[in-house]
Each structure stands twice: as structure tokens, then as C-alpha cells.
C-alpha atoms as a PDB file:
ATOM      1  CA  MET A   1      22.618  -2.141 -26.497  1.00  0.00           C
ATOM      2  CA  ASN A   2      19.896  -4.565 -27.626  1.00  0.00           C
ATOM      3  CA  ILE A   3      16.269  -4.093 -26.690  1.00  0.00           C
ATOM      4  CA  LYS A   4      16.306  -6.601 -23.804  1.00  0.00           C
ATOM      5  CA  ASP A   5      19.350  -4.918 -22.290  1.00  0.00           C
ATOM      6  CA  SER A   6      17.459  -1.615 -22.424  1.00  0.00           C
ATOM      7  CA  TRP A   7      14.537  -3.219 -20.589  1.00  0.00           C
ATOM      8  CA  LEU A   8      16.858  -4.337 -17.812  1.00  0.00           C
ATOM      9  CA  LYS A   9      18.330  -0.858 -17.556  1.00  0.00           C
ATOM     10  CA  GLU A  10      14.964   0.884 -17.573  1.00  0.00           C
ATOM     11  CA  GLY A  11      13.226  -1.537 -15.207  1.00  0.00           C
ATOM     12  CA  PHE A  12      10.229  -2.115 -17.468  1.00  0.00           C
ATOM     13  CA  VAL A  13       9.486  -3.426 -20.956  1.00  0.00           C
ATOM     14  CA  ASN A  14       9.703  -0.376 -23.187  1.00  0.00           C
ATOM     15  CA  GLU A  15       8.356  -2.082 -26.310  1.00  0.00           C
ATOM     16  CA  PRO A  16       6.467   0.342 -28.586  1.00  0.00           C
ATOM     17  CA  ILE A  17       2.706  -0.259 -28.704  1.00  0.00           C
ATOM     18  CA  SER A  18       1.061  -0.464 -32.118  1.00  0.00           C
ATOM     19  CA  GLU A  19      -1.041   2.580 -32.861  1.00  0.00           C
ATOM     20  CA  GLY A  20      -4.739   1.890 -32.450  1.00  0.00           C
ATOM     21  CA  LEU A  21      -4.225  -1.256 -30.347  1.00  0.00           C
ATOM     22  CA  ASP A  22      -7.126  -1.862 -27.968  1.00  0.00           C
ATOM     23  CA  LEU A  23      -5.068  -2.278 -24.808  1.00  0.00           C
ATOM     24  CA  ARG A  24      -7.946  -3.336 -22.593  1.00  0.00           C
ATOM     25  CA  ALA A  25      -9.020  -6.055 -25.015  1.00  0.00           C
ATOM     26  CA  GLU A  26      -5.441  -7.254 -25.512  1.00  0.00           C
ATOM     27  CA  ILE A  27      -4.779  -7.324 -21.769  1.00  0.00           C
ATOM     28  CA  LYS A  28      -7.942  -9.364 -21.264  1.00  0.00           C
ATOM     29  CA  LYS A  29      -6.814 -11.759 -24.015  1.00  0.00           C
ATOM     30  CA  LEU A  30      -3.346 -12.155 -22.476  1.00  0.00           C
ATOM     31  CA  LYS A  31      -4.867 -12.846 -19.054  1.00  0.00           C
ATOM     32  CA  GLN A  32      -6.959 -15.672 -20.506  1.00  0.00           C
ATOM     33  CA  GLU A  33      -4.076 -17.141 -22.520  1.00  0.00           C
ATOM     34  CA  LYS A  34      -1.643 -17.099 -19.609  1.00  0.00           C
ATOM     35  CA  ASN A  35      -4.059 -17.793 -16.729  1.00  0.00           C
ATOM     36  CA  ALA A  36      -3.053 -14.465 -15.213  1.00  0.00           C
ATOM     37  CA  ILE A  37      -4.750 -12.203 -12.697  1.00  0.00           C
ATOM     38  CA  ILE A  38      -4.324  -8.455 -12.242  1.00  0.00           C
ATOM     39  CA  MET A  39      -4.318  -7.084  -8.704  1.00  0.00           C
ATOM     40  CA  GLY A  40      -4.703  -3.300  -8.510  1.00  0.00           C
ATOM     41  CA  HIS A  41      -3.996  -1.125  -5.506  1.00  0.00           C
ATOM     42  CA  PHE A  42      -6.454   1.586  -4.449  1.00  0.00           C
ATOM     43  CA  TYR A  43      -3.861   4.218  -5.389  1.00  0.00           C
ATOM     44  CA  GLN A  44      -3.530   3.189  -9.030  1.00  0.00           C
ATOM     45  CA  LYS A  45      -4.816   5.266 -11.927  1.00  0.00           C
ATOM     46  CA  ASP A  46      -8.546   4.934 -12.599  1.00  0.00           C
ATOM     47  CA  GLU A  47      -8.101   2.943 -15.812  1.00  0.00           C
ATOM     48  CA  ILE A  48      -5.886   0.407 -14.054  1.00  0.00           C
ATOM     49  CA  GLN A  49      -8.351  -0.046 -11.207  1.00  0.00           C
ATOM     50  CA  ASP A  50     -11.068  -0.636 -13.804  1.00  0.00           C
ATOM     51  CA  ILE A  51      -9.231  -3.526 -15.515  1.00  0.00           C
ATOM     52  CA  ALA A  52      -8.061  -5.146 -12.270  1.00  0.00           C
ATOM     53  CA  ASP A  53      -9.596  -8.421 -11.127  1.00  0.00           C
ATOM     54  CA  PHE A  54      -9.327  -7.228  -7.538  1.00  0.00           C
ATOM     55  CA  VAL A  55      -8.752  -3.771  -6.071  1.00  0.00           C
ATOM     56  CA  GLY A  56      -7.616  -3.342  -2.495  1.00  0.00           C
ATOM     57  CA  ASP A  57      -4.926  -2.559   0.074  1.00  0.00           C
ATOM     58  CA  SER A  58      -1.492  -4.145  -0.220  1.00  0.00           C
ATOM     59  CA  LEU A  59      -1.939  -7.204   2.014  1.00  0.00           C
ATOM     60  CA  ALA A  60      -5.464  -7.869   0.743  1.00  0.00           C
ATOM     61  CA  LEU A  61      -4.100  -7.996  -2.811  1.00  0.00           C
ATOM     62  CA  ALA A  62      -1.545 -10.646  -1.855  1.00  0.00           C
ATOM     63  CA  GLN A  63      -4.078 -12.656   0.144  1.00  0.00           C
ATOM     64  CA  GLU A  64      -6.697 -12.634  -2.608  1.00  0.00           C
ATOM     65  CA  ALA A  65      -4.119 -13.569  -5.252  1.00  0.00           C
ATOM     66  CA  ALA A  66      -2.995 -16.535  -3.134  1.00  0.00           C
ATOM     67  CA  LYS A  67      -6.575 -17.873  -3.096  1.00  0.00           C
ATOM     68  CA  THR A  68      -6.759 -18.087  -6.886  1.00  0.00           C
ATOM     69  CA  ASP A  69      -5.523 -20.789  -9.240  1.00  0.00           C
ATOM     70  CA  ALA A  70      -3.783 -18.205 -11.436  1.00  0.00           C
ATOM     71  CA  ASP A  71      -0.338 -19.067 -12.743  1.00  0.00           C
ATOM     72  CA  ILE A  72       0.668 -15.404 -13.016  1.00  0.00           C
ATOM     73  CA  ILE A  73      -0.039 -12.538 -10.632  1.00  0.00           C
ATOM     74  CA  LEU A  74       0.458  -9.073 -12.050  1.00  0.00           C
ATOM     75  CA  LEU A  75       0.658  -6.681  -9.109  1.00  0.00           C
ATOM     76  CA  ALA A  76      -0.231  -3.150 -10.195  1.00  0.00           C
ATOM     77  CA  GLY A  77       1.163  -1.292  -7.219  1.00  0.00           C
ATOM     78  CA  VAL A  78       4.688  -0.819  -5.913  1.00  0.00           C
ATOM     79  CA  HIS A  79       7.651  -3.166  -5.525  1.00  0.00           C
ATOM     80  CA  PHE A  80       7.160  -4.286  -1.906  1.00  0.00           C
ATOM     81  CA  MET A  81       3.583  -5.302  -2.763  1.00  0.00           C
ATOM     82  CA  GLY A  82       4.912  -7.623  -5.431  1.00  0.00           C
ATOM     83  CA  GLU A  83       7.276  -9.084  -2.843  1.00  0.00           C
ATOM     84  CA  THR A  84       4.398  -9.660  -0.411  1.00  0.00           C
ATOM     85  CA  ALA A  85       2.452 -11.446  -3.137  1.00  0.00           C
ATOM     86  CA  LYS A  86       5.480 -13.655  -3.868  1.00  0.00           C
ATOM     87  CA  ILE A  87       5.954 -14.392  -0.152  1.00  0.00           C
ATOM     88  CA  LEU A  88       2.391 -15.724   0.052  1.00  0.00           C
ATOM     89  CA  SER A  89       2.368 -17.366  -3.407  1.00  0.00           C
ATOM     90  CA  PRO A  90       5.876 -18.764  -3.995  1.00  0.00           C
ATOM     91  CA  GLU A  91       4.621 -21.192  -6.640  1.00  0.00           C
ATOM     92  CA  LYS A  92       3.177 -18.422  -8.823  1.00  0.00           C
ATOM     93  CA  LYS A  93       5.006 -16.062 -11.172  1.00  0.00           C
ATOM     94  CA  VAL A  94       4.640 -12.515  -9.817  1.00  0.00           C
ATOM     95  CA  LEU A  95       5.072  -9.567 -12.184  1.00  0.00           C
ATOM     96  CA  VAL A  96       5.223  -5.824 -11.557  1.00  0.00           C
ATOM     97  CA  PRO A  97       4.784  -3.451 -14.518  1.00  0.00           C
ATOM     98  CA  ASP A  98       7.685  -1.201 -13.512  1.00  0.00           C
ATOM     99  CA  MET A  99      10.535  -2.065 -11.138  1.00  0.00           C
ATOM    100  CA  ASN A 100      11.038   1.668 -10.533  1.00  0.00           C
ATOM    101  CA  ALA A 101       7.742   1.784  -8.637  1.00  0.00           C
ATOM    102  CA  GLY A 102       9.261   1.860  -5.171  1.00  0.00           C
ATOM    103  CA  CYS A 103       7.953   3.217  -1.886  1.00  0.00           C
ATOM    104  CA  SER A 104       9.302   6.154   0.111  1.00  0.00           C
ATOM    105  CA  LEU A 105       8.166   4.530   3.364  1.00  0.00           C
ATOM    106  CA  ALA A 106       9.832   1.199   2.616  1.00  0.00           C
ATOM    107  CA  ASP A 107      12.960   3.047   1.453  1.00  0.00           C
ATOM    108  CA  SER A 108      13.085   4.970   4.743  1.00  0.00           C
ATOM    109  CA  CYS A 109      13.957   1.718   6.542  1.00  0.00           C
ATOM    110  CA  PRO A 110      17.241   0.270   5.172  1.00  0.00           C
ATOM    111  CA  TYR A 111      17.971  -3.323   6.185  1.00  0.00           C
ATOM    112  CA  ASP A 112      21.412  -2.776   7.755  1.00  0.00           C
ATOM    113  CA  ALA A 113      20.319   0.240   9.790  1.00  0.00           C
ATOM    114  CA  PHE A 114      17.123  -1.414  11.034  1.00  0.00           C
ATOM    115  CA  GLU A 115      19.001  -4.608  11.911  1.00  0.00           C
ATOM    116  CA  ALA A 116      21.463  -2.561  13.983  1.00  0.00           C
ATOM    117  CA  PHE A 117      18.545  -0.728  15.647  1.00  0.00           C
ATOM    118  CA  ILE A 118      17.023  -4.063  16.664  1.00  0.00           C
ATOM    119  CA  LYS A 119      20.348  -5.350  17.992  1.00  0.00           C
ATOM    120  CA  ASP A 120      20.647  -2.211  20.137  1.00  0.00           C
ATOM    121  CA  HIS A 121      17.303  -3.159  21.766  1.00  0.00           C
ATOM    122  CA  PRO A 122      17.467  -6.959  22.020  1.00  0.00           C
ATOM    123  CA  ASP A 123      14.664  -7.264  24.585  1.00  0.00           C
ATOM    124  CA  HIS A 124      12.019  -5.733  22.270  1.00  0.00           C
ATOM    125  CA  THR A 125       9.342  -7.404  20.151  1.00  0.00           C
ATOM    126  CA  VAL A 126       9.599  -6.099  16.593  1.00  0.00           C
ATOM    127  CA  LEU A 127       6.374  -4.998  14.900  1.00  0.00           C
ATOM    128  CA  THR A 128       6.634  -3.711  11.363  1.00  0.00           C
ATOM    129  CA  TYR A 129       4.091  -2.240   9.016  1.00  0.00           C
ATOM    130  CA  VAL A 130       3.301  -4.294   5.910  1.00  0.00           C
ATOM    131  CA  ASN A 131       4.651  -1.404   3.795  1.00  0.00           C
ATOM    132  CA  THR A 132       8.203  -2.766   4.024  1.00  0.00           C
ATOM    133  CA  THR A 133      10.575  -4.882   1.977  1.00  0.00           C
ATOM    134  CA  ALA A 134      10.780  -8.642   2.297  1.00  0.00           C
ATOM    135  CA  ALA A 135      14.163  -8.171   3.978  1.00  0.00           C
ATOM    136  CA  ILE A 136      12.665  -5.988   6.720  1.00  0.00           C
ATOM    137  CA  LYS A 137       9.800  -8.437   7.167  1.00  0.00           C
ATOM    138  CA  SER A 138      12.398 -11.160   7.767  1.00  0.00           C
ATOM    139  CA  LEU A 139      13.697  -9.193  10.778  1.00  0.00           C
ATOM    140  CA  SER A 140      10.227  -8.822  12.290  1.00  0.00           C
ATOM    141  CA  ASP A 141       8.250 -10.751  14.878  1.00  0.00           C
ATOM    142  CA  ILE A 142       4.814  -9.630  13.691  1.00  0.00           C
ATOM    143  CA  ILE A 143       3.650  -7.690  10.628  1.00  0.00           C
ATOM    144  CA  VAL A 144       0.732  -5.272  10.989  1.00  0.00           C
ATOM    145  CA  THR A 145      -1.575  -3.380   8.675  1.00  0.00           C
ATOM    146  CA  SER A 146      -3.235  -0.061   9.365  1.00  0.00           C
ATOM    147  CA  THR A 147      -6.471  -2.027   9.865  1.00  0.00           C
ATOM    148  CA  ASN A 148      -5.247  -4.535  12.456  1.00  0.00           C
ATOM    149  CA  ALA A 149      -2.289  -2.705  14.044  1.00  0.00           C
ATOM    150  CA  LYS A 150      -4.187  -1.630  17.167  1.00  0.00           C
ATOM    151  CA  ALA A 151      -5.531  -5.131  17.767  1.00  0.00           C
ATOM    152  CA  VAL A 152      -2.056  -6.632  17.344  1.00  0.00           C
ATOM    153  CA  VAL A 153      -0.551  -4.155  19.813  1.00  0.00           C
ATOM    154  CA  ASP A 154      -3.421  -4.734  22.257  1.00  0.00           C
ATOM    155  CA  SER A 155      -2.858  -8.499  22.038  1.00  0.00           C
ATOM    156  CA  LEU A 156       0.633  -8.155  23.527  1.00  0.00           C
ATOM    157  CA  PRO A 157       1.239  -7.943  27.302  1.00  0.00           C
ATOM    158  CA  LYS A 158       1.030  -4.410  28.682  1.00  0.00           C
ATOM    159  CA  ASP A 159       4.637  -4.507  29.853  1.00  0.00           C
ATOM    160  CA  GLU A 160       5.970  -5.805  26.515  1.00  0.00           C
ATOM    161  CA  LYS A 161       8.757  -3.690  25.080  1.00  0.00           C
ATOM    162  CA  ILE A 162       8.001  -3.027  21.420  1.00  0.00           C
ATOM    163  CA  ILE A 163       9.881  -1.641  18.431  1.00  0.00           C
ATOM    164  CA  PHE A 164       7.541  -0.280  15.765  1.00  0.00           C
ATOM    165  CA  GLY A 165       8.647   0.608  12.263  1.00  0.00           C
ATOM    166  CA  PRO A 166       8.981   2.080   9.853  1.00  0.00           C
ATOM    167  CA  ASP A 167       6.226   4.742   9.987  1.00  0.00           C
ATOM    168  CA  ARG A 168       6.631   7.141  12.918  1.00  0.00           C
ATOM    169  CA  ASN A 169       3.228   8.757  12.281  1.00  0.00           C
ATOM    170  CA  LEU A 170       1.378   5.454  12.417  1.00  0.00           C
ATOM    171  CA  GLY A 171       3.482   4.510  15.454  1.00  0.00           C
ATOM    172  CA  ASN A 172       2.630   7.742  17.247  1.00  0.00           C
ATOM    173  CA  TYR A 173      -1.038   7.228  16.456  1.00  0.00           C
ATOM    174  CA  LEU A 174      -0.919   3.686  17.844  1.00  0.00           C
ATOM    175  CA  ASN A 175       0.820   4.883  20.999  1.00  0.00           C
ATOM    176  CA  SER A 176      -1.952   7.440  21.501  1.00  0.00           C
ATOM    177  CA  VAL A 177      -4.818   4.955  21.091  1.00  0.00           C
ATOM    178  CA  THR A 178      -3.227   2.037  22.974  1.00  0.00           C
ATOM    179  CA  GLY A 179      -1.481   3.875  25.804  1.00  0.00           C
ATOM    180  CA  ARG A 180       1.818   2.235  24.847  1.00  0.00           C
ATOM    181  CA  ASN A 181       5.246   3.770  24.548  1.00  0.00           C
ATOM    182  CA  MET A 182       6.597   1.827  21.595  1.00  0.00           C
ATOM    183  CA  LEU A 183      10.081   2.644  20.384  1.00  0.00           C
ATOM    184  CA  LEU A 184       9.589   4.120  16.915  1.00  0.00           C
ATOM    185  CA  TRP A 185      11.722   3.948  13.802  1.00  0.00           C
ATOM    186  CA  ASP A 186      11.964   7.355  12.127  1.00  0.00           C
ATOM    187  CA  GLY A 187      10.379   6.654   8.743  1.00  0.00           C
ATOM    188  CA  ALA A 188       7.446   8.153   6.847  1.00  0.00           C
ATOM    189  CA  CYS A 189       5.437   8.114   3.618  1.00  0.00           C
ATOM    190  CA  HIS A 190       6.118  11.126   1.406  1.00  0.00           C
ATOM    191  CA  VAL A 191       2.451  11.379   0.390  1.00  0.00           C
ATOM    192  CA  HIS A 192       0.987  11.447   3.889  1.00  0.00           C
ATOM    193  CA  GLU A 193       3.747  13.746   5.149  1.00  0.00           C
ATOM    194  CA  LYS A 194       2.852  16.418   2.598  1.00  0.00           C
ATOM    195  CA  PHE A 195      -0.742  17.188   3.530  1.00  0.00           C
ATOM    196  CA  SER A 196      -1.328  20.784   4.556  1.00  0.00           C
ATOM    197  CA  VAL A 197      -3.372  21.190   7.733  1.00  0.00           C
ATOM    198  CA  GLU A 198      -3.812  24.876   6.942  1.00  0.00           C
ATOM    199  CA  LYS A 199      -5.240  24.161   3.483  1.00  0.00           C
ATOM    200  CA  ILE A 200      -7.519  21.452   4.878  1.00  0.00           C
ATOM    201  CA  VAL A 201      -8.808  23.865   7.547  1.00  0.00           C
ATOM    202  CA  GLU A 202      -9.551  26.337   4.747  1.00  0.00           C
ATOM    203  CA  LEU A 203     -11.366  23.636   2.790  1.00  0.00           C
ATOM    204  CA  LYS A 204     -13.383  22.809   5.896  1.00  0.00           C
ATOM    205  CA  LYS A 205     -14.435  26.462   6.151  1.00  0.00           C
ATOM    206  CA  GLN A 206     -15.565  26.357   2.527  1.00  0.00           C
ATOM    207  CA  HIS A 207     -17.354  23.026   3.056  1.00  0.00           C
ATOM    208  CA  PRO A 208     -18.538  22.981   6.697  1.00  0.00           C
ATOM    209  CA  ASP A 209     -20.782  19.985   5.977  1.00  0.00           C
ATOM    210  CA  ALA A 210     -17.834  17.840   4.872  1.00  0.00           C
ATOM    211  CA  GLU A 211     -16.175  15.163   6.982  1.00  0.00           C
ATOM    212  CA  VAL A 212     -12.377  15.020   7.030  1.00  0.00           C
ATOM    213  CA  LEU A 213     -11.019  11.511   6.433  1.00  0.00           C
ATOM    214  CA  ALA A 214      -7.381  10.744   7.235  1.00  0.00           C
ATOM    215  CA  HIS A 215      -5.061   7.772   6.995  1.00  0.00           C
ATOM    216  CA  PRO A 216      -3.083   7.079  10.215  1.00  0.00           C
ATOM    217  CA  GLU A 217       0.169   7.620   8.283  1.00  0.00           C
ATOM    218  CA  CYS A 218      -0.665  11.348   8.387  1.00  0.00           C
ATOM    219  CA  LYS A 219       0.921  13.665  10.944  1.00  0.00           C
ATOM    220  CA  LYS A 220      -0.703  14.085  14.372  1.00  0.00           C
ATOM    221  CA  PRO A 221      -2.244  17.578  13.828  1.00  0.00           C
ATOM    222  CA  LEU A 222      -4.191  16.256  10.838  1.00  0.00           C
ATOM    223  CA  LEU A 223      -5.313  13.153  12.735  1.00  0.00           C
ATOM    224  CA  ILE A 224      -6.636  15.392  15.512  1.00  0.00           C
ATOM    225  CA  LEU A 225      -8.535  17.438  12.931  1.00  0.00           C
ATOM    226  CA  ALA A 226     -10.003  14.389  11.186  1.00  0.00           C
ATOM    227  CA  ASP A 227     -13.554  13.140  11.723  1.00  0.00           C
ATOM    228  CA  LYS A 228     -12.508   9.619  10.752  1.00  0.00           C
ATOM    229  CA  VAL A 229      -9.059   7.984  10.922  1.00  0.00           C
ATOM    230  CA  GLY A 230      -8.570   4.623   9.269  1.00  0.00           C
ATOM    231  CA  SER A 231      -6.909   2.466   6.655  1.00  0.00           C
ATOM    232  CA  THR A 232      -7.679   3.127   3.007  1.00  0.00           C
ATOM    233  CA  ALA A 233     -10.196   0.276   2.995  1.00  0.00           C
ATOM    234  CA  ALA A 234     -11.765   1.545   6.230  1.00  0.00           C
ATOM    235  CA  LEU A 235     -12.127   5.059   4.827  1.00  0.00           C
ATOM    236  CA  LEU A 236     -13.795   3.657   1.704  1.00  0.00           C
ATOM    237  CA  LYS A 237     -16.169   1.591   3.825  1.00  0.00           C
ATOM    238  CA  HIS A 238     -16.996   4.642   5.941  1.00  0.00           C
ATOM    239  CA  THR A 239     -17.958   6.731   2.897  1.00  0.00           C
ATOM    240  CA  ILE A 240     -20.220   3.921   1.682  1.00  0.00           C
ATOM    241  CA  GLN A 241     -21.999   3.518   5.018  1.00  0.00           C
ATOM    242  CA  SER A 242     -22.105   7.161   6.149  1.00  0.00           C
ATOM    243  CA  SER A 243     -25.119   9.407   5.546  1.00  0.00           C
ATOM    244  CA  THR A 244     -22.693  12.320   5.040  1.00  0.00           C
ATOM    245  CA  LYS A 245     -22.704  13.613   1.457  1.00  0.00           C
ATOM    246  CA  LYS A 246     -19.339  15.368   1.311  1.00  0.00           C
ATOM    247  CA  PHE A 247     -15.826  14.304   2.323  1.00  0.00           C
ATOM    248  CA  ILE A 248     -12.347  15.825   2.371  1.00  0.00           C
ATOM    249  CA  VAL A 249     -10.035  12.862   1.736  1.00  0.00           C
ATOM    250  CA  ALA A 250      -6.530  12.974   3.261  1.00  0.00           C
ATOM    251  CA  THR A 251      -4.892   9.977   1.692  1.00  0.00           C
ATOM    252  CA  GLU A 252      -3.590   9.231  -1.806  1.00  0.00           C
ATOM    253  CA  SER A 253      -6.227  10.500  -4.229  1.00  0.00           C
ATOM    254  CA  GLY A 254      -6.509   7.210  -6.157  1.00  0.00           C
ATOM    255  CA  ILE A 255      -9.014   5.930  -3.582  1.00  0.00           C
ATOM    256  CA  ILE A 256     -11.492   8.607  -4.661  1.00  0.00           C
ATOM    257  CA  HIS A 257     -12.187   6.577  -7.814  1.00  0.00           C
ATOM    258  CA  GLN A 258     -13.611   3.719  -5.728  1.00  0.00           C
ATOM    259  CA  MET A 259     -15.465   6.123  -3.451  1.00  0.00           C
ATOM    260  CA  THR A 260     -17.099   7.817  -6.433  1.00  0.00           C
ATOM    261  CA  LYS A 261     -17.990   4.488  -8.065  1.00  0.00           C
ATOM    262  CA  ALA A 262     -19.751   3.406  -4.871  1.00  0.00           C
ATOM    263  CA  HIS A 263     -21.603   6.721  -4.396  1.00  0.00           C
ATOM    264  CA  PRO A 264     -21.489   8.965  -7.487  1.00  0.00           C
ATOM    265  CA  GLU A 265     -23.972  11.337  -5.877  1.00  0.00           C
ATOM    266  CA  LYS A 266     -21.553  12.165  -3.054  1.00  0.00           C
ATOM    267  CA  THR A 267     -18.749  14.738  -3.234  1.00  0.00           C
ATOM    268  CA  PHE A 268     -15.133  13.753  -2.566  1.00  0.00           C
ATOM    269  CA  ILE A 269     -12.536  16.506  -2.257  1.00  0.00           C
ATOM    270  CA  PRO A 270      -8.859  15.476  -2.336  1.00  0.00           C
ATOM    271  CA  ALA A 271      -6.883  17.052   0.500  1.00  0.00           C
ATOM    272  CA  PRO A 272      -4.122  19.264  -0.943  1.00  0.00           C
ATOM    273  CA  PRO A 273      -0.413  19.017  -0.176  1.00  0.00           C
ATOM    274  CA  LYS A 274       1.602  21.896   1.205  1.00  0.00           C
ATOM    275  CA  ASP A 275       3.946  23.930  -1.008  1.00  0.00           C
ATOM    276  CA  SER A 276       2.080  22.981  -4.169  1.00  0.00           C
ATOM    277  CA  THR A 277      -0.537  24.408  -6.486  1.00  0.00           C
ATOM    278  CA  CYS A 278      -1.838  20.877  -7.127  1.00  0.00           C
ATOM    279  CA  ALA A 279      -5.282  20.158  -5.704  1.00  0.00           C
ATOM    280  CA  CYS A 280      -4.485  16.529  -4.913  1.00  0.00           C
ATOM    281  CA  ASN A 281      -1.685  14.472  -3.384  1.00  0.00           C
ATOM    282  CA  ASP A 282      -0.525  11.559  -5.530  1.00  0.00           C
ATOM    283  CA  CYS A 283       2.146   8.895  -5.062  1.00  0.00           C
ATOM    284  CA  GLU A 284       4.616   9.357  -7.892  1.00  0.00           C
ATOM    285  CA  PHE A 285       5.646   5.700  -7.635  1.00  0.00           C
ATOM    286  CA  MET A 286       2.105   4.292  -7.856  1.00  0.00           C
ATOM    287  CA  LYS A 287       1.439   6.423 -10.905  1.00  0.00           C
ATOM    288  CA  LEU A 288       4.432   4.958 -12.806  1.00  0.00           C
ATOM    289  CA  ASN A 289       2.212   2.038 -13.770  1.00  0.00           C
ATOM    290  CA  THR A 290       0.302   2.371 -17.047  1.00  0.00           C
ATOM    291  CA  LEU A 291      -1.899   0.205 -19.263  1.00  0.00           C
ATOM    292  CA  GLU A 292       0.965   0.055 -21.764  1.00  0.00           C
ATOM    293  CA  LYS A 293       3.365  -1.298 -19.154  1.00  0.00           C
ATOM    294  CA  ILE A 294       0.786  -3.813 -17.931  1.00  0.00           C
ATOM    295  CA  TYR A 295       0.267  -5.056 -21.496  1.00  0.00           C
ATOM    296  CA  ASN A 296       4.003  -5.441 -22.107  1.00  0.00           C
ATOM    297  CA  SER A 297       4.566  -7.027 -18.706  1.00  0.00           C
ATOM    298  CA  LEU A 298       1.944  -9.701 -19.394  1.00  0.00           C
ATOM    299  CA  LYS A 299       3.162 -10.192 -22.968  1.00  0.00           C
ATOM    300  CA  TYR A 300       6.816 -10.717 -22.034  1.00  0.00           C
ATOM    301  CA  GLU A 301       6.232 -11.948 -18.427  1.00  0.00           C
ATOM    302  CA  TRP A 302       8.708  -9.462 -17.071  1.00  0.00           C
ATOM    303  CA  PRO A 303       9.737  -7.777 -14.750  1.00  0.00           C
ATOM    304  CA  GLU A 304       9.395 -10.711 -12.367  1.00  0.00           C
ATOM    305  CA  ILE A 305       9.675 -10.621  -8.573  1.00  0.00           C
ATOM    306  CA  LEU A 306      12.127 -13.233  -7.311  1.00  0.00           C
ATOM    307  CA  ILE A 307      12.860 -13.862  -3.627  1.00  0.00           C
ATOM    308  CA  ASP A 308      15.461 -16.189  -2.151  1.00  0.00           C
ATOM    309  CA  GLU A 309      13.604 -19.080  -0.511  1.00  0.00           C
ATOM    310  CA  GLU A 310      15.457 -18.762   2.812  1.00  0.00           C
ATOM    311  CA  LEU A 311      14.518 -15.081   2.978  1.00  0.00           C
ATOM    312  CA  ARG A 312      10.924 -15.858   1.979  1.00  0.00           C
ATOM    313  CA  GLN A 313      10.600 -18.434   4.761  1.00  0.00           C
ATOM    314  CA  LYS A 314      11.773 -15.857   7.307  1.00  0.00           C
ATOM    315  CA  ALA A 315       9.505 -13.146   5.896  1.00  0.00           C
ATOM    316  CA  VAL A 316       6.358 -15.279   5.856  1.00  0.00           C
ATOM    317  CA  LYS A 317       6.515 -16.149   9.583  1.00  0.00           C
ATOM    318  CA  PRO A 318       5.591 -12.669  10.928  1.00  0.00           C
ATOM    319  CA  ILE A 319       2.789 -12.445   8.353  1.00  0.00           C
ATOM    320  CA  VAL A 320       1.373 -15.772   9.520  1.00  0.00           C
ATOM    321  CA  LYS A 321       1.635 -14.566  13.120  1.00  0.00           C
ATOM    322  CA  MET A 322      -0.341 -11.431  12.221  1.00  0.00           C
ATOM    323  CA  LEU A 323      -3.014 -13.476  10.447  1.00  0.00           C
ATOM    324  CA  GLU A 324      -3.372 -15.727  13.503  1.00  0.00           C
ATOM    325  CA  ILE A 325      -3.923 -12.698  15.748  1.00  0.00           C
ATOM    326  CA  SER A 326      -6.324 -11.124  13.252  1.00  0.00           C
ATOM    327  CA  GLU A 327      -8.365 -14.332  13.090  1.00  0.00           C
ATOM    328  CA  ARG A 328      -8.451 -14.511  16.881  1.00  0.00           C
ATOM    329  CA  TYR A 329      -9.947 -11.006  17.039  1.00  0.00           C
ATOM    330  CA  GLY A 330     -12.236 -11.472  14.042  1.00  0.00           C
ATOM    331  CA  LEU A 331     -10.488  -8.866  11.883  1.00  0.00           C
END
């Protein structure tokens, strides 16, 4: 097997890095040479967030990348995020450092099964969370994010029959705050499913002055316990604006890097998962990305995200619909 065959098998460029190579300087050089931009998700390792040109939630990364004149977008996140970037920037080359960086939530909604589910309920409007594959987006009427989901649901007639997927926890949360009874797909994110309410209650006893922050992908008991429920970006904004000095953070711990950078004098405690001695709850897929893989990906311009144009055209329509609603409500 030659080296390029091994790359295909492994899903990333496994080219040895010269000892002593200044990866940050070399990555910066490659970006300039290739007119490339690095988009880093909030859940990436600290060192990746620090070299990124933009750090944000999944849709924001794709939107910001589309605004640039870059020829290459390197999406440091997970696979579906690279797809979203390609959907919005079909003329650009989109790279992901490791094709193995998938998403448990996206994987919980297989195309064939979801298509059959929709066909069983033909009179329903299909809303899907942005954390899905391009194929699932192509089956959808409107895409939502955790930031604008409530506004999108509220924009639909009260008697509208709605399918919501793939995250049942986010769907249940939306039902509770909108008074709807959406039909939910039974999917979930492995990170947000694992938080231990019991351990968080114990942390709250130890730190009674701390606010509990939770992403709406968490289970209902934790959302009830939380002082603030919101998207990753909303939780970050809250910690910046709040006079509170201590927070227990119930979402992927990568966001704590941005929280600490904004307010180093404040204390941020990662919420622990159940059945683990680990003090934080990380996404194993997000953490597959490394500076070494980013360097090799830029150097060899691989792995590249490719989407069939017919599929892309179908997938972009529900995103455009969401953006129209978001603009209407000033989101």
C-alpha cells in the first residue's frame, strides 16, 4: 500500500511532521500561499481555536466562510459542518482535517429511515436541526439552529403539524417553550446525553454562588435545573454580560476556552458526565482534529468535502428558508 492509499484508508493525511517544525508558523504560511481560511468550532482544542480565523457555532462558521474571498475553507469541526460550508460555498474548496470526525447526533438520523418516517407523516412540515448531514437537510423544509429554533417554530401556524429531528432533547425543550406537540425523531448527542444531574447538583452545593448553564440538547431534568439554557454562542454571551463570577457549564468543555479568554477572572467549572471519573465532557469526534492534521490538510489539500450538485441544491433551500425567517425576526 502506498502512502496515498493509506491516507484514503485512514481518512486523514498521516504524513510524518519534521521534528522541531513550528506548526503555527507553517500553517500561517500555507494559509497565505493558498488563500485559505481556518474556521474553528467552539468545541475544538484550545490551540486550534487560537489559530482559527473565526471561532463559532456550526452554521456561523459556514456563513462567515461564505462571506470571504478565500479559495480554501478548512473546517476544524466535524464532517457535517464541512458539508454545510460546502452547501453555502460551492465554488470554494472545503477541507476537513480528519474524515473520521463524525457526529453522534447526525449519525442517529439515517437517511433511509428518516425518509420513511417523513413518508409515514406526509402532512407534516419537516424541521431539522443544523447538526445533520447534507442528505437529511435535502429532506427538510426548514433548518433550525439552537439559537433560532423557537422563533422558527413560532413563525409557523399554531395548527401546523411538524416533524422535528433529529435531537429529541432539543425537540422536547422546544415543545415545552412553544406549547407545540411536534412529532420528534428519536436522536441525541452523546455528549449532552451523558451529563450527570446528580453530580451537577453536588457541584452546585459546593459552589452555591455558581450559575448552571445548559445547552438545550441536554435532557429535561438538567434543563429544569439550569439557570440559563441556550446555544453555545448564547451561553458564551451570557457569561460575558453576566455579573455572576462562577459558572457550571453543561455543554462540551471546549467552549470554556472562549469563556476564560473573555473573562479570565471568572471561574468556569465543566459539568461532569455520569459513569466517569473525568471532570469534563468532551466530544471524541471534535477532538480528533489536531494542529498536525490541519497542517497536512492544508499542505496536501485533502480530505476534501464534495457534494453532488443536485443534492446541494436541495439541501440549500431549507437553509435559505431559515435565514429568511431569522432575518424577519432580527435573529
